[in-house]
Every structure is written in C-alpha cells, then in structure tokens.
Amino acid sequence: MMNTRRSFIKTVGNGAALSALTFSSIGATASRLIPKNQSNEKLIRIGIIGAENSHSVGFGKMFNVDKKFPGVEVTHLWGETDVFARKTAEAGKIPNIVKDPKEMLGKIDALIVDHRHAKYHLEAATPFVKAGIPTFIDKPFCYRVEEGKEFLAMAREAGTPVSSYSTIAHSDSTFDIAEQIKSLGEFNNIVRHGPADIESPYGGIFFYGVHLVQPLMYMFGDDIKVVKINKYGKKAGAVLIFESGLQANLVFSTLHYGWETFVETKKGVVELKSRVQETSPERCYRDIVGMFRTGKEPLSHASILKYVAVLEAMEKSVSSEKWEEVIS
C-alpha cells in the first residue's frame, strides 16, 4: 500500500500549497532534539501513534526493514488494541510497544500520528508538539478546521514543525502534472475519479476524499469556494467551484482503486498523466524525513487548513444536499 500511495506549482487563484519558508525557530528546536552520530548525520528515532491503519506497517517496513532512510528508525509504537500493536510491530520490525503514547516522550525524536479517523489526530499529537517533537500527521490532518487552527497556533508558539498531506497529492506525479497545466492553454470542467465513501465509519468523505481534493489543490490552486455533494441512494459524487469559476467534478469510484484527472480543452477532453516515474523513496516520504531533520515544513499551515475546510464543507453538503461554502 505504501509504495502505491503518494516547489508546489502555483497555477490559478490563490494556490499556496507548498511553503518554501524556513522557520528558524522551528528548525532550531528540531535540531536541538535530534542527536548526531560520528559523521554528524542526525539520527532520528520515530514513534508512531496508531496501528490500525496499514500505513503504520508501511512506515515500519520502509524505515526498519527496507532501510530507505539510513539513520532513521521507528523505535516505538502505540496501537489502538494489543492485537493491532503486535501485528504492526512484528511486520514493521518495531522494537518497542508502549501502553500509553506519553511513554514515548524523551525516547523519540519525531512522531507520526496514524489513526484511521481524523478526529483522534490532534489530541494524540498535542503533548508531543508542546514538547517540541517534529510531527507528521497522516491524512487527513484533522476533523474540524477550528480545532486545526488552535493546534497549529500552538505548534507555531512551541516552535515545532508540523505537517500533513495526502501522499497521492504530494508526489512527483502530481507536481509534474501541475507543471504541464501551465502550458495547457484554456481549460475548464475538470473531472477527477477516485474512491470515496460518504458513509465511511472513519469520517465519511474525510477518509478517502482527501486523495480526490488535495491533488486538485496542488494542480489548480487552493481557492475552492463552494462545494456540493450529489447523491442518489449510496451513489454519490461532488462538484467543487473555484474562485476563478473553474469547475471540478468528482466521481467516487466503486469498482476501481486509482485516481485519474481529465480536463476539457479547446481540443477536447484531455487526461492529465504524469510523464515521470516516482522516485524511491517517494517525494512524500523524503519531505517527511526532511522536516524531521531540518524543521522545514513542506506545506503551509494555510493550505493544510484549506483542504480540511473543503472536506468539512463536503461533509455538510452530504447532510444538507445543498451548496456549502468553504470556510477556512
């Protein structure tokens, strides 16, 4: 699963997804926390909160088994149940299971939070961020924009680097497509296919909807204004309107696991395909480790909050069956 899931190109509207800013206070905090070996390379001990999600196994395999990042290791794990924890620790060769996540404080240099439902993410991360531990929160970042604002303000005050993104969005493929769009000419009526379930027990549209929404923000900009869910029984899709008037139609796939994006141009409907192969390890993971090492956040806080705001508006539309404004 991890191997198949993934400078932001500013295109239309107010796209501001990837921030190139280096926050000196954040970088200094991260640098003080992480020990160095004899070659002056930073050693990073990662703790993971959450073992139900298959991504936790993937992180363990990537860092501990395949050793894609020498000097980086998952050393501690907390799981929602003992069974989840044992299975993940065994598959990912993670040496330490804790009964309470706070047992990891003082023993790790970086944190990954990996619950299946976003409503648990921020509470789990808070004591670590307050302690200055660089933290990556697996998608989606949180379940409510207002909680996200408070959390990120706390992280900024603590000087702790924090990030969160869809690995589908934060990929070489998406960045390449964003570059292609610059020379596409006039276009409209985006159609994006991908799995999503408005009735998912892990947050409805939040769980997989992020893989539909955030790549569009990387490609076309952050300025999504209003959204509407269209549903008939269990069948559903969505429409997103950007400030510029650009329209994106989301088709929630039910038979195919994958993501495709099409746009209408003067020459016809064109599928946007990447021209590049994904690097190994993938960009999304390189940037996580890069943040752990340097304190540089790969995504602006505003963009993180915006993708959550879009998902929250979509969730409201599921209930109201009306257009809902994106409020971030």
C-alpha atoms as a PDB file:
ATOM      1  CA  MET A   1       0.000   0.000   0.000  1.00  0.00           C
ATOM      2  CA  MET A   2       2.753   2.457   0.933  1.00  0.00           C
ATOM      3  CA  ASN A   3       4.579   2.020  -2.391  1.00  0.00           C
ATOM      4  CA  THR A   4       1.486   2.900  -4.408  1.00  0.00           C
ATOM      5  CA  ARG A   5       0.208   5.818  -2.366  1.00  0.00           C
ATOM      6  CA  ARG A   6       1.958   9.194  -2.523  1.00  0.00           C
ATOM      7  CA  SER A   7       8.086  23.571  -5.073  1.00  0.00           C
ATOM      8  CA  PHE A   8       4.157  23.500  -5.266  1.00  0.00           C
ATOM      9  CA  ILE A   9       3.312  24.921  -8.712  1.00  0.00           C
ATOM     10  CA  LYS A  10       1.094  27.923  -8.236  1.00  0.00           C
ATOM     11  CA  THR A  11      -1.370  27.981 -11.093  1.00  0.00           C
ATOM     12  CA  VAL A  12      -4.733  29.675 -10.718  1.00  0.00           C
ATOM     13  CA  GLY A  13      -6.382  31.518  -7.862  1.00  0.00           C
ATOM     14  CA  ASN A  14      -4.629  31.811  -4.561  1.00  0.00           C
ATOM     15  CA  GLY A  15      -2.812  28.461  -4.653  1.00  0.00           C
ATOM     16  CA  ALA A  16      -0.281  28.443  -1.856  1.00  0.00           C
ATOM     17  CA  ALA A  17       0.133  24.772  -1.106  1.00  0.00           C
ATOM     18  CA  LEU A  18       3.832  24.349  -0.575  1.00  0.00           C
ATOM     19  CA  SER A  19       5.554  26.920   1.552  1.00  0.00           C
ATOM     20  CA  ALA A  20       9.250  27.408   0.900  1.00  0.00           C
ATOM     21  CA  LEU A  21       9.669  29.280   4.128  1.00  0.00           C
ATOM     22  CA  THR A  22      12.158  28.025   6.661  1.00  0.00           C
ATOM     23  CA  PHE A  23      11.084  28.965  10.139  1.00  0.00           C
ATOM     24  CA  SER A  24      14.301  29.489  12.074  1.00  0.00           C
ATOM     25  CA  SER A  25      12.761  28.894  15.479  1.00  0.00           C
ATOM     26  CA  ILE A  26      11.257  25.614  14.293  1.00  0.00           C
ATOM     27  CA  GLY A  27      14.484  24.461  12.710  1.00  0.00           C
ATOM     28  CA  ALA A  28      16.427  25.304  15.834  1.00  0.00           C
ATOM     29  CA  THR A  29      14.012  23.361  18.024  1.00  0.00           C
ATOM     30  CA  ALA A  30      14.185  20.286  15.800  1.00  0.00           C
ATOM     31  CA  SER A  31      17.974  20.408  15.609  1.00  0.00           C
ATOM     32  CA  ARG A  32      18.369  20.528  19.384  1.00  0.00           C
ATOM     33  CA  LEU A  33      16.168  17.494  19.858  1.00  0.00           C
ATOM     34  CA  ILE A  34      17.830  15.087  17.435  1.00  0.00           C
ATOM     35  CA  PRO A  35      21.210  13.512  18.340  1.00  0.00           C
ATOM     36  CA  LYS A  36      24.008  13.087  15.829  1.00  0.00           C
ATOM     37  CA  ASN A  37      26.347  10.237  15.002  1.00  0.00           C
ATOM     38  CA  GLN A  38      30.098  10.494  14.442  1.00  0.00           C
ATOM     39  CA  SER A  39      29.659  11.635  10.821  1.00  0.00           C
ATOM     40  CA  ASN A  40      27.452  14.496  12.076  1.00  0.00           C
ATOM     41  CA  GLU A  41      24.367  12.968  10.442  1.00  0.00           C
ATOM     42  CA  LYS A  42      21.246  13.305  12.537  1.00  0.00           C
ATOM     43  CA  LEU A  43      19.888  10.066  13.956  1.00  0.00           C
ATOM     44  CA  ILE A  44      16.110  10.006  14.100  1.00  0.00           C
ATOM     45  CA  ARG A  45      14.072   7.755  16.355  1.00  0.00           C
ATOM     46  CA  ILE A  46      10.422   7.824  15.276  1.00  0.00           C
ATOM     47  CA  GLY A  47       7.400   6.967  17.368  1.00  0.00           C
ATOM     48  CA  ILE A  48       4.072   6.042  15.764  1.00  0.00           C
ATOM     49  CA  ILE A  49       0.673   6.553  17.368  1.00  0.00           C
ATOM     50  CA  GLY A  50      -1.860   4.289  15.680  1.00  0.00           C
ATOM     51  CA  ALA A  51      -1.580   0.697  14.473  1.00  0.00           C
ATOM     52  CA  GLU A  52      -4.975   0.030  12.927  1.00  0.00           C
ATOM     53  CA  ASN A  53      -4.075   1.749   9.668  1.00  0.00           C
ATOM     54  CA  SER A  54      -1.969  -0.234   7.196  1.00  0.00           C
ATOM     55  CA  HIS A  55       0.218   2.831   6.752  1.00  0.00           C
ATOM     56  CA  SER A  56       1.837   2.163  10.123  1.00  0.00           C
ATOM     57  CA  VAL A  57       3.082  -1.185   8.855  1.00  0.00           C
ATOM     58  CA  GLY A  58       4.317   0.579   5.732  1.00  0.00           C
ATOM     59  CA  PHE A  59       6.286   3.123   7.742  1.00  0.00           C
ATOM     60  CA  GLY A  60       7.861   0.335   9.783  1.00  0.00           C
ATOM     61  CA  LYS A  61       8.843  -1.601   6.670  1.00  0.00           C
ATOM     62  CA  MET A  62      10.205   1.487   4.920  1.00  0.00           C
ATOM     63  CA  PHE A  63      12.356   2.682   7.813  1.00  0.00           C
ATOM     64  CA  ASN A  64      13.239  -0.543   9.650  1.00  0.00           C
ATOM     65  CA  VAL A  65      13.107  -3.361   7.098  1.00  0.00           C
ATOM     66  CA  ASP A  66      13.968  -1.756   3.758  1.00  0.00           C
ATOM     67  CA  LYS A  67      16.040   0.984   5.452  1.00  0.00           C
ATOM     68  CA  LYS A  68      15.167   3.538   2.786  1.00  0.00           C
ATOM     69  CA  PHE A  69      16.494   6.295   5.065  1.00  0.00           C
ATOM     70  CA  PRO A  70      19.718   5.226   6.836  1.00  0.00           C
ATOM     71  CA  GLY A  71      19.845   6.625  10.333  1.00  0.00           C
ATOM     72  CA  VAL A  72      16.050   6.823  10.581  1.00  0.00           C
ATOM     73  CA  GLU A  73      14.188   4.120  12.501  1.00  0.00           C
ATOM     74  CA  VAL A  74      10.757   3.563  14.010  1.00  0.00           C
ATOM     75  CA  THR A  75      11.589   2.630  17.581  1.00  0.00           C
ATOM     76  CA  HIS A  76       8.257   2.932  19.407  1.00  0.00           C
ATOM     77  CA  LEU A  77       4.621   2.181  18.651  1.00  0.00           C
ATOM     78  CA  TRP A  78       1.274   2.605  20.354  1.00  0.00           C
ATOM     79  CA  GLY A  79      -1.705   0.715  18.986  1.00  0.00           C
ATOM     80  CA  GLU A  80      -5.441   1.067  19.460  1.00  0.00           C
ATOM     81  CA  THR A  81      -5.533  -2.568  20.598  1.00  0.00           C
ATOM     82  CA  ASP A  82      -2.885  -5.056  21.676  1.00  0.00           C
ATOM     83  CA  VAL A  83      -3.582  -7.114  18.561  1.00  0.00           C
ATOM     84  CA  PHE A  84      -3.108  -4.141  16.226  1.00  0.00           C
ATOM     85  CA  ALA A  85       0.085  -3.170  18.031  1.00  0.00           C
ATOM     86  CA  ARG A  86       1.621  -6.656  17.951  1.00  0.00           C
ATOM     87  CA  LYS A  87       0.809  -7.240  14.276  1.00  0.00           C
ATOM     88  CA  THR A  88       2.183  -3.871  13.216  1.00  0.00           C
ATOM     89  CA  ALA A  89       5.299  -4.158  15.369  1.00  0.00           C
ATOM     90  CA  GLU A  90       6.039  -7.633  14.012  1.00  0.00           C
ATOM     91  CA  ALA A  91       5.503  -6.696  10.364  1.00  0.00           C
ATOM     92  CA  GLY A  92       7.430  -3.437  10.678  1.00  0.00           C
ATOM     93  CA  LYS A  93      10.168  -4.749  12.987  1.00  0.00           C
ATOM     94  CA  ILE A  94       9.354  -2.071  15.548  1.00  0.00           C
ATOM     95  CA  PRO A  95      11.132  -2.997  18.790  1.00  0.00           C
ATOM     96  CA  ASN A  96       9.051  -1.199  21.441  1.00  0.00           C
ATOM     97  CA  ILE A  97       5.308  -1.225  22.090  1.00  0.00           C
ATOM     98  CA  VAL A  98       4.005   1.235  24.696  1.00  0.00           C
ATOM     99  CA  LYS A  99       0.751   1.084  26.635  1.00  0.00           C
ATOM    100  CA  ASP A 100       0.469   4.869  26.822  1.00  0.00           C
ATOM    101  CA  PRO A 101       1.696   7.113  23.977  1.00  0.00           C
ATOM    102  CA  LYS A 102       3.213   9.525  26.503  1.00  0.00           C
ATOM    103  CA  GLU A 103       5.701   6.801  27.436  1.00  0.00           C
ATOM    104  CA  MET A 104       7.464   7.749  24.192  1.00  0.00           C
ATOM    105  CA  LEU A 105       8.269  11.275  25.408  1.00  0.00           C
ATOM    106  CA  GLY A 106      12.011  11.594  25.862  1.00  0.00           C
ATOM    107  CA  LYS A 107      12.632   8.442  23.832  1.00  0.00           C
ATOM    108  CA  ILE A 108      11.822   9.628  20.307  1.00  0.00           C
ATOM    109  CA  ASP A 109      12.970  12.474  18.066  1.00  0.00           C
ATOM    110  CA  ALA A 110       9.972  12.601  15.725  1.00  0.00           C
ATOM    111  CA  LEU A 111       6.349  11.480  15.699  1.00  0.00           C
ATOM    112  CA  ILE A 112       3.916  10.091  13.132  1.00  0.00           C
ATOM    113  CA  VAL A 113       0.217  10.057  14.057  1.00  0.00           C
ATOM    114  CA  ASP A 114      -1.698   7.499  12.042  1.00  0.00           C
ATOM    115  CA  HIS A 115      -5.273   6.939  13.215  1.00  0.00           C
ATOM    116  CA  ARG A 116      -7.857   5.899  10.654  1.00  0.00           C
ATOM    117  CA  HIS A 117     -10.285   8.580  11.843  1.00  0.00           C
ATOM    118  CA  ALA A 118      -9.010  12.151  11.786  1.00  0.00           C
ATOM    119  CA  LYS A 119     -10.947  13.124  14.922  1.00  0.00           C
ATOM    120  CA  TYR A 120      -8.285  11.426  17.064  1.00  0.00           C
ATOM    121  CA  HIS A 121      -5.227  13.030  15.474  1.00  0.00           C
ATOM    122  CA  LEU A 122      -4.753  16.355  17.227  1.00  0.00           C
ATOM    123  CA  GLU A 123      -5.345  15.193  20.785  1.00  0.00           C
ATOM    124  CA  ALA A 124      -2.798  12.424  20.266  1.00  0.00           C
ATOM    125  CA  ALA A 125      -0.197  14.790  18.832  1.00  0.00           C
ATOM    126  CA  THR A 126      -0.604  17.685  21.283  1.00  0.00           C
ATOM    127  CA  PRO A 127       1.738  16.644  24.132  1.00  0.00           C
ATOM    128  CA  PHE A 128       4.495  15.830  21.648  1.00  0.00           C
ATOM    129  CA  VAL A 129       4.164  19.071  19.721  1.00  0.00           C
ATOM    130  CA  LYS A 130       4.175  21.004  23.004  1.00  0.00           C
ATOM    131  CA  ALA A 131       7.411  19.150  23.847  1.00  0.00           C
ATOM    132  CA  GLY A 132       8.979  20.242  20.546  1.00  0.00           C
ATOM    133  CA  ILE A 133       8.810  16.873  18.773  1.00  0.00           C
ATOM    134  CA  PRO A 134       8.537  17.321  14.957  1.00  0.00           C
ATOM    135  CA  THR A 135       5.266  15.683  13.923  1.00  0.00           C
ATOM    136  CA  PHE A 136       3.740  14.350  10.725  1.00  0.00           C
ATOM    137  CA  ILE A 137       0.008  13.669  10.900  1.00  0.00           C
ATOM    138  CA  ASP A 138      -1.222  11.199   8.317  1.00  0.00           C
ATOM    139  CA  LYS A 139      -4.144  12.252   6.167  1.00  0.00           C
ATOM    140  CA  PRO A 140      -6.426  13.881   6.894  1.00  0.00           C
ATOM    141  CA  PHE A 141      -4.879  16.348   9.323  1.00  0.00           C
ATOM    142  CA  CYS A 142      -7.937  16.807  11.491  1.00  0.00           C
ATOM    143  CA  TYR A 143     -11.713  16.605  11.507  1.00  0.00           C
ATOM    144  CA  ARG A 144     -12.618  20.249  12.167  1.00  0.00           C
ATOM    145  CA  VAL A 145     -10.970  23.421  10.861  1.00  0.00           C
ATOM    146  CA  GLU A 146     -11.332  25.364  14.118  1.00  0.00           C
ATOM    147  CA  GLU A 147      -9.531  22.630  16.070  1.00  0.00           C
ATOM    148  CA  GLY A 148      -6.838  22.648  13.411  1.00  0.00           C
ATOM    149  CA  LYS A 149      -6.349  26.404  13.751  1.00  0.00           C
ATOM    150  CA  GLU A 150      -5.877  26.151  17.506  1.00  0.00           C
ATOM    151  CA  PHE A 151      -3.477  23.249  17.147  1.00  0.00           C
ATOM    152  CA  LEU A 152      -1.324  24.941  14.511  1.00  0.00           C
ATOM    153  CA  ALA A 153      -1.213  28.159  16.544  1.00  0.00           C
ATOM    154  CA  MET A 154       0.053  26.079  19.462  1.00  0.00           C
ATOM    155  CA  ALA A 155       2.640  24.406  17.247  1.00  0.00           C
ATOM    156  CA  ARG A 156       3.841  27.766  15.964  1.00  0.00           C
ATOM    157  CA  GLU A 157       4.144  29.115  19.508  1.00  0.00           C
ATOM    158  CA  ALA A 158       6.064  25.992  20.559  1.00  0.00           C
ATOM    159  CA  GLY A 159       8.341  26.290  17.522  1.00  0.00           C
ATOM    160  CA  THR A 160       7.544  22.714  16.486  1.00  0.00           C
ATOM    161  CA  PRO A 161       7.386  21.706  12.803  1.00  0.00           C
ATOM    162  CA  VAL A 162       4.129  20.005  11.829  1.00  0.00           C
ATOM    163  CA  SER A 163       2.788  18.804   8.502  1.00  0.00           C
ATOM    164  CA  SER A 164       0.083  16.674   6.959  1.00  0.00           C
ATOM    165  CA  TYR A 165      -0.845  15.799   3.398  1.00  0.00           C
ATOM    166  CA  SER A 166      -2.204  13.170   1.056  1.00  0.00           C
ATOM    167  CA  THR A 167       0.602  11.025  -0.302  1.00  0.00           C
ATOM    168  CA  ILE A 168      -1.275  10.971  -3.619  1.00  0.00           C
ATOM    169  CA  ALA A 169      -1.111  14.765  -3.736  1.00  0.00           C
ATOM    170  CA  HIS A 170       2.449  15.144  -2.518  1.00  0.00           C
ATOM    171  CA  SER A 171       4.025  13.072  -5.262  1.00  0.00           C
ATOM    172  CA  ASP A 172       6.351  13.506  -8.226  1.00  0.00           C
ATOM    173  CA  SER A 173       3.392  12.680 -10.475  1.00  0.00           C
ATOM    174  CA  THR A 174       1.188  15.447  -9.135  1.00  0.00           C
ATOM    175  CA  PHE A 175       3.987  18.006  -9.298  1.00  0.00           C
ATOM    176  CA  ASP A 176       4.668  17.030 -12.909  1.00  0.00           C
ATOM    177  CA  ILE A 177       1.007  17.369 -13.845  1.00  0.00           C
ATOM    178  CA  ALA A 178       0.919  20.794 -12.192  1.00  0.00           C
ATOM    179  CA  GLU A 179       3.840  21.796 -14.403  1.00  0.00           C
ATOM    180  CA  GLN A 180       2.062  20.540 -17.528  1.00  0.00           C
ATOM    181  CA  ILE A 181      -1.049  22.561 -16.725  1.00  0.00           C
ATOM    182  CA  LYS A 182       0.923  25.770 -17.173  1.00  0.00           C
ATOM    183  CA  SER A 183       1.148  25.115 -20.928  1.00  0.00           C
ATOM    184  CA  LEU A 184      -2.304  23.562 -21.382  1.00  0.00           C
ATOM    185  CA  GLY A 185      -3.973  26.721 -22.621  1.00  0.00           C
ATOM    186  CA  GLU A 186      -7.604  27.475 -21.832  1.00  0.00           C
ATOM    187  CA  PHE A 187      -9.397  24.704 -19.967  1.00  0.00           C
ATOM    188  CA  ASN A 188     -12.421  24.071 -17.780  1.00  0.00           C
ATOM    189  CA  ASN A 189     -14.617  21.305 -16.396  1.00  0.00           C
ATOM    190  CA  ILE A 190     -12.172  19.133 -14.508  1.00  0.00           C
ATOM    191  CA  VAL A 191     -13.271  15.562 -13.842  1.00  0.00           C
ATOM    192  CA  ARG A 192     -11.411  13.532 -11.227  1.00  0.00           C
ATOM    193  CA  HIS A 193     -12.094   9.870 -10.498  1.00  0.00           C
ATOM    194  CA  GLY A 194     -11.142   8.112  -7.278  1.00  0.00           C
ATOM    195  CA  PRO A 195     -12.512   6.064  -4.385  1.00  0.00           C
ATOM    196  CA  ALA A 196     -14.533   7.792  -1.665  1.00  0.00           C
ATOM    197  CA  ASP A 197     -17.331   6.759   0.659  1.00  0.00           C
ATOM    198  CA  ILE A 198     -19.622   9.333   2.257  1.00  0.00           C
ATOM    199  CA  GLU A 199     -20.687   6.648   4.760  1.00  0.00           C
ATOM    200  CA  SER A 200     -17.205   5.502   5.793  1.00  0.00           C
ATOM    201  CA  PRO A 201     -17.039   4.809   9.554  1.00  0.00           C
ATOM    202  CA  TYR A 202     -13.694   6.616   9.556  1.00  0.00           C
ATOM    203  CA  GLY A 203     -15.066  10.073   8.915  1.00  0.00           C
ATOM    204  CA  GLY A 204     -17.194   9.671   5.803  1.00  0.00           C
ATOM    205  CA  ILE A 205     -15.857  11.825   2.974  1.00  0.00           C
ATOM    206  CA  PHE A 206     -12.791  12.726   5.057  1.00  0.00           C
ATOM    207  CA  PHE A 207     -11.236   9.264   4.865  1.00  0.00           C
ATOM    208  CA  TYR A 208     -10.544   8.974   1.141  1.00  0.00           C
ATOM    209  CA  GLY A 209     -11.902  12.304  -0.053  1.00  0.00           C
ATOM    210  CA  VAL A 210      -8.581  13.933   0.729  1.00  0.00           C
ATOM    211  CA  HIS A 211      -6.975  11.967  -2.134  1.00  0.00           C
ATOM    212  CA  LEU A 212      -9.517  13.476  -4.524  1.00  0.00           C
ATOM    213  CA  VAL A 213      -9.443  17.046  -3.205  1.00  0.00           C
ATOM    214  CA  GLN A 214      -5.865  17.816  -2.261  1.00  0.00           C
ATOM    215  CA  PRO A 215      -4.244  16.797  -5.570  1.00  0.00           C
ATOM    216  CA  LEU A 216      -6.604  19.233  -7.302  1.00  0.00           C
ATOM    217  CA  MET A 217      -5.376  21.956  -4.954  1.00  0.00           C
ATOM    218  CA  TYR A 218      -1.769  21.149  -5.835  1.00  0.00           C
ATOM    219  CA  MET A 219      -2.619  21.213  -9.538  1.00  0.00           C
ATOM    220  CA  PHE A 220      -5.067  24.112  -9.810  1.00  0.00           C
ATOM    221  CA  GLY A 221      -4.771  26.160  -6.613  1.00  0.00           C
ATOM    222  CA  ASP A 222      -6.223  26.365  -3.121  1.00  0.00           C
ATOM    223  CA  ASP A 223      -9.076  28.729  -3.941  1.00  0.00           C
ATOM    224  CA  ILE A 224     -12.020  26.318  -3.817  1.00  0.00           C
ATOM    225  CA  LYS A 225     -15.063  28.445  -2.944  1.00  0.00           C
ATOM    226  CA  VAL A 226     -18.151  26.232  -2.755  1.00  0.00           C
ATOM    227  CA  VAL A 227     -18.890  22.509  -2.915  1.00  0.00           C
ATOM    228  CA  LYS A 228     -21.901  20.274  -3.389  1.00  0.00           C
ATOM    229  CA  ILE A 229     -22.380  16.557  -2.888  1.00  0.00           C
ATOM    230  CA  ASN A 230     -24.788  14.907  -5.312  1.00  0.00           C
ATOM    231  CA  LYS A 231     -26.177  11.579  -4.170  1.00  0.00           C
ATOM    232  CA  TYR A 232     -28.754   9.023  -5.107  1.00  0.00           C
ATOM    233  CA  GLY A 233     -29.015   6.240  -2.574  1.00  0.00           C
ATOM    234  CA  LYS A 234     -25.474   5.062  -1.970  1.00  0.00           C
ATOM    235  CA  LYS A 235     -24.213   6.526  -5.232  1.00  0.00           C
ATOM    236  CA  ALA A 236     -22.507   9.885  -4.829  1.00  0.00           C
ATOM    237  CA  GLY A 237     -20.219  12.435  -6.410  1.00  0.00           C
ATOM    238  CA  ALA A 238     -19.289  16.066  -5.859  1.00  0.00           C
ATOM    239  CA  VAL A 239     -18.844  19.408  -7.586  1.00  0.00           C
ATOM    240  CA  LEU A 240     -16.234  21.948  -6.499  1.00  0.00           C
ATOM    241  CA  ILE A 241     -16.189  25.540  -7.764  1.00  0.00           C
ATOM    242  CA  PHE A 242     -13.012  27.619  -7.584  1.00  0.00           C
ATOM    243  CA  GLU A 243     -12.967  31.402  -7.092  1.00  0.00           C
ATOM    244  CA  SER A 244     -11.945  31.730 -10.752  1.00  0.00           C
ATOM    245  CA  GLY A 245     -15.097  29.901 -11.873  1.00  0.00           C
ATOM    246  CA  LEU A 246     -13.195  26.718 -12.663  1.00  0.00           C
ATOM    247  CA  GLN A 247     -15.402  23.686 -12.020  1.00  0.00           C
ATOM    248  CA  ALA A 248     -14.248  20.278 -10.826  1.00  0.00           C
ATOM    249  CA  ASN A 249     -16.499  17.226 -10.853  1.00  0.00           C
ATOM    250  CA  LEU A 250     -15.525  14.372  -8.549  1.00  0.00           C
ATOM    251  CA  VAL A 251     -16.603  10.857  -9.469  1.00  0.00           C
ATOM    252  CA  PHE A 252     -16.499   8.495  -6.489  1.00  0.00           C
ATOM    253  CA  SER A 253     -15.205   5.222  -7.916  1.00  0.00           C
ATOM    254  CA  THR A 254     -16.659   1.966  -6.599  1.00  0.00           C
ATOM    255  CA  LEU A 255     -15.105  -0.689  -8.855  1.00  0.00           C
ATOM    256  CA  HIS A 256     -11.619   0.695  -9.454  1.00  0.00           C
ATOM    257  CA  TYR A 257      -8.890   1.696  -6.976  1.00  0.00           C
ATOM    258  CA  GLY A 258      -6.949   4.524  -8.568  1.00  0.00           C
ATOM    259  CA  TRP A 259      -7.068   8.219  -9.408  1.00  0.00           C
ATOM    260  CA  GLU A 260      -7.430   9.871 -12.818  1.00  0.00           C
ATOM    261  CA  THR A 261      -7.938  13.521 -13.774  1.00  0.00           C
ATOM    262  CA  PHE A 262      -9.405  14.901 -17.030  1.00  0.00           C
ATOM    263  CA  VAL A 263      -9.897  18.472 -18.247  1.00  0.00           C
ATOM    264  CA  GLU A 264     -11.903  19.987 -21.065  1.00  0.00           C
ATOM    265  CA  THR A 265      -9.778  21.982 -23.500  1.00  0.00           C
ATOM    266  CA  LYS A 266     -10.474  23.574 -26.886  1.00  0.00           C
ATOM    267  CA  LYS A 267      -9.015  20.437 -28.467  1.00  0.00           C
ATOM    268  CA  GLY A 268     -11.249  18.097 -26.482  1.00  0.00           C
ATOM    269  CA  VAL A 269     -11.138  16.260 -23.187  1.00  0.00           C
ATOM    270  CA  VAL A 270      -7.574  15.507 -22.104  1.00  0.00           C
ATOM    271  CA  GLU A 271      -6.400  13.111 -19.400  1.00  0.00           C
ATOM    272  CA  LEU A 272      -3.686  14.606 -17.250  1.00  0.00           C
ATOM    273  CA  LYS A 273      -0.959  11.984 -16.979  1.00  0.00           C
ATOM    274  CA  SER A 274       2.400  12.206 -15.304  1.00  0.00           C
ATOM    275  CA  ARG A 275       5.452  11.986 -17.534  1.00  0.00           C
ATOM    276  CA  VAL A 276       7.747  10.920 -14.703  1.00  0.00           C
ATOM    277  CA  GLN A 277       8.306   7.813 -12.641  1.00  0.00           C
ATOM    278  CA  GLU A 278       8.009   8.062  -8.893  1.00  0.00           C
ATOM    279  CA  THR A 279      11.371   8.226  -7.183  1.00  0.00           C
ATOM    280  CA  SER A 280      12.271   5.771  -4.443  1.00  0.00           C
ATOM    281  CA  PRO A 281      11.798   6.657  -1.686  1.00  0.00           C
ATOM    282  CA  GLU A 282       8.906   8.793  -2.835  1.00  0.00           C
ATOM    283  CA  ARG A 283       8.811  12.569  -2.509  1.00  0.00           C
ATOM    284  CA  CYS A 284       6.143  12.443   0.193  1.00  0.00           C
ATOM    285  CA  TYR A 285       8.389  10.405   2.479  1.00  0.00           C
ATOM    286  CA  ARG A 286      11.543  12.344   1.635  1.00  0.00           C
ATOM    287  CA  ASP A 287       9.803  15.523   2.686  1.00  0.00           C
ATOM    288  CA  ILE A 288       8.605  13.978   5.947  1.00  0.00           C
ATOM    289  CA  VAL A 289      12.150  12.959   6.825  1.00  0.00           C
ATOM    290  CA  GLY A 290      13.423  16.308   5.594  1.00  0.00           C
ATOM    291  CA  MET A 291      11.113  18.066   8.032  1.00  0.00           C
ATOM    292  CA  PHE A 292      12.254  15.792  10.854  1.00  0.00           C
ATOM    293  CA  ARG A 293      15.902  16.583  10.057  1.00  0.00           C
ATOM    294  CA  THR A 294      15.732  20.308   9.339  1.00  0.00           C
ATOM    295  CA  GLY A 295      12.478  21.648  10.751  1.00  0.00           C
ATOM    296  CA  LYS A 296      11.379  22.883   7.303  1.00  0.00           C
ATOM    297  CA  GLU A 297       7.659  22.357   6.823  1.00  0.00           C
ATOM    298  CA  PRO A 298       6.857  21.152   3.276  1.00  0.00           C
ATOM    299  CA  LEU A 299       3.315  22.580   3.284  1.00  0.00           C
ATOM    300  CA  SER A 300       1.948  25.895   4.540  1.00  0.00           C
ATOM    301  CA  HIS A 301      -0.408  25.797   7.503  1.00  0.00           C
ATOM    302  CA  ALA A 302      -2.955  27.736   5.425  1.00  0.00           C
ATOM    303  CA  SER A 303      -3.022  25.024   2.788  1.00  0.00           C
ATOM    304  CA  ILE A 304      -3.385  22.271   5.390  1.00  0.00           C
ATOM    305  CA  LEU A 305      -6.376  24.060   6.880  1.00  0.00           C
ATOM    306  CA  LYS A 306      -7.879  24.722   3.453  1.00  0.00           C
ATOM    307  CA  TYR A 307      -8.031  21.080   2.436  1.00  0.00           C
ATOM    308  CA  VAL A 308      -9.701  20.277   5.763  1.00  0.00           C
ATOM    309  CA  ALA A 309     -12.166  23.130   5.179  1.00  0.00           C
ATOM    310  CA  VAL A 310     -13.083  21.710   1.764  1.00  0.00           C
ATOM    311  CA  LEU A 311     -13.713  18.272   3.261  1.00  0.00           C
ATOM    312  CA  GLU A 312     -15.745  19.793   6.091  1.00  0.00           C
ATOM    313  CA  ALA A 313     -17.907  21.698   3.595  1.00  0.00           C
ATOM    314  CA  MET A 314     -18.395  18.479   1.609  1.00  0.00           C
ATOM    315  CA  GLU A 315     -19.475  16.682   4.785  1.00  0.00           C
ATOM    316  CA  LYS A 316     -22.045  19.426   5.454  1.00  0.00           C
ATOM    317  CA  SER A 317     -23.346  19.070   1.910  1.00  0.00           C
ATOM    318  CA  VAL A 318     -23.859  15.340   2.414  1.00  0.00           C
ATOM    319  CA  SER A 319     -26.475  16.234   5.029  1.00  0.00           C
ATOM    320  CA  SER A 320     -27.897  19.422   3.542  1.00  0.00           C
ATOM    321  CA  GLU A 321     -27.778  18.288  -0.105  1.00  0.00           C
ATOM    322  CA  LYS A 322     -27.081  21.951  -0.885  1.00  0.00           C
ATOM    323  CA  TRP A 323     -24.125  24.070  -1.943  1.00  0.00           C
ATOM    324  CA  GLU A 324     -21.862  24.740   1.029  1.00  0.00           C
ATOM    325  CA  GLU A 325     -19.284  27.496   1.333  1.00  0.00           C
ATOM    326  CA  VAL A 326     -15.689  26.532   2.114  1.00  0.00           C
ATOM    327  CA  ILE A 327     -14.801  28.397   5.309  1.00  0.00           C
ATOM    328  CA  SER A 328     -11.179  28.241   6.397  1.00  0.00           C
END
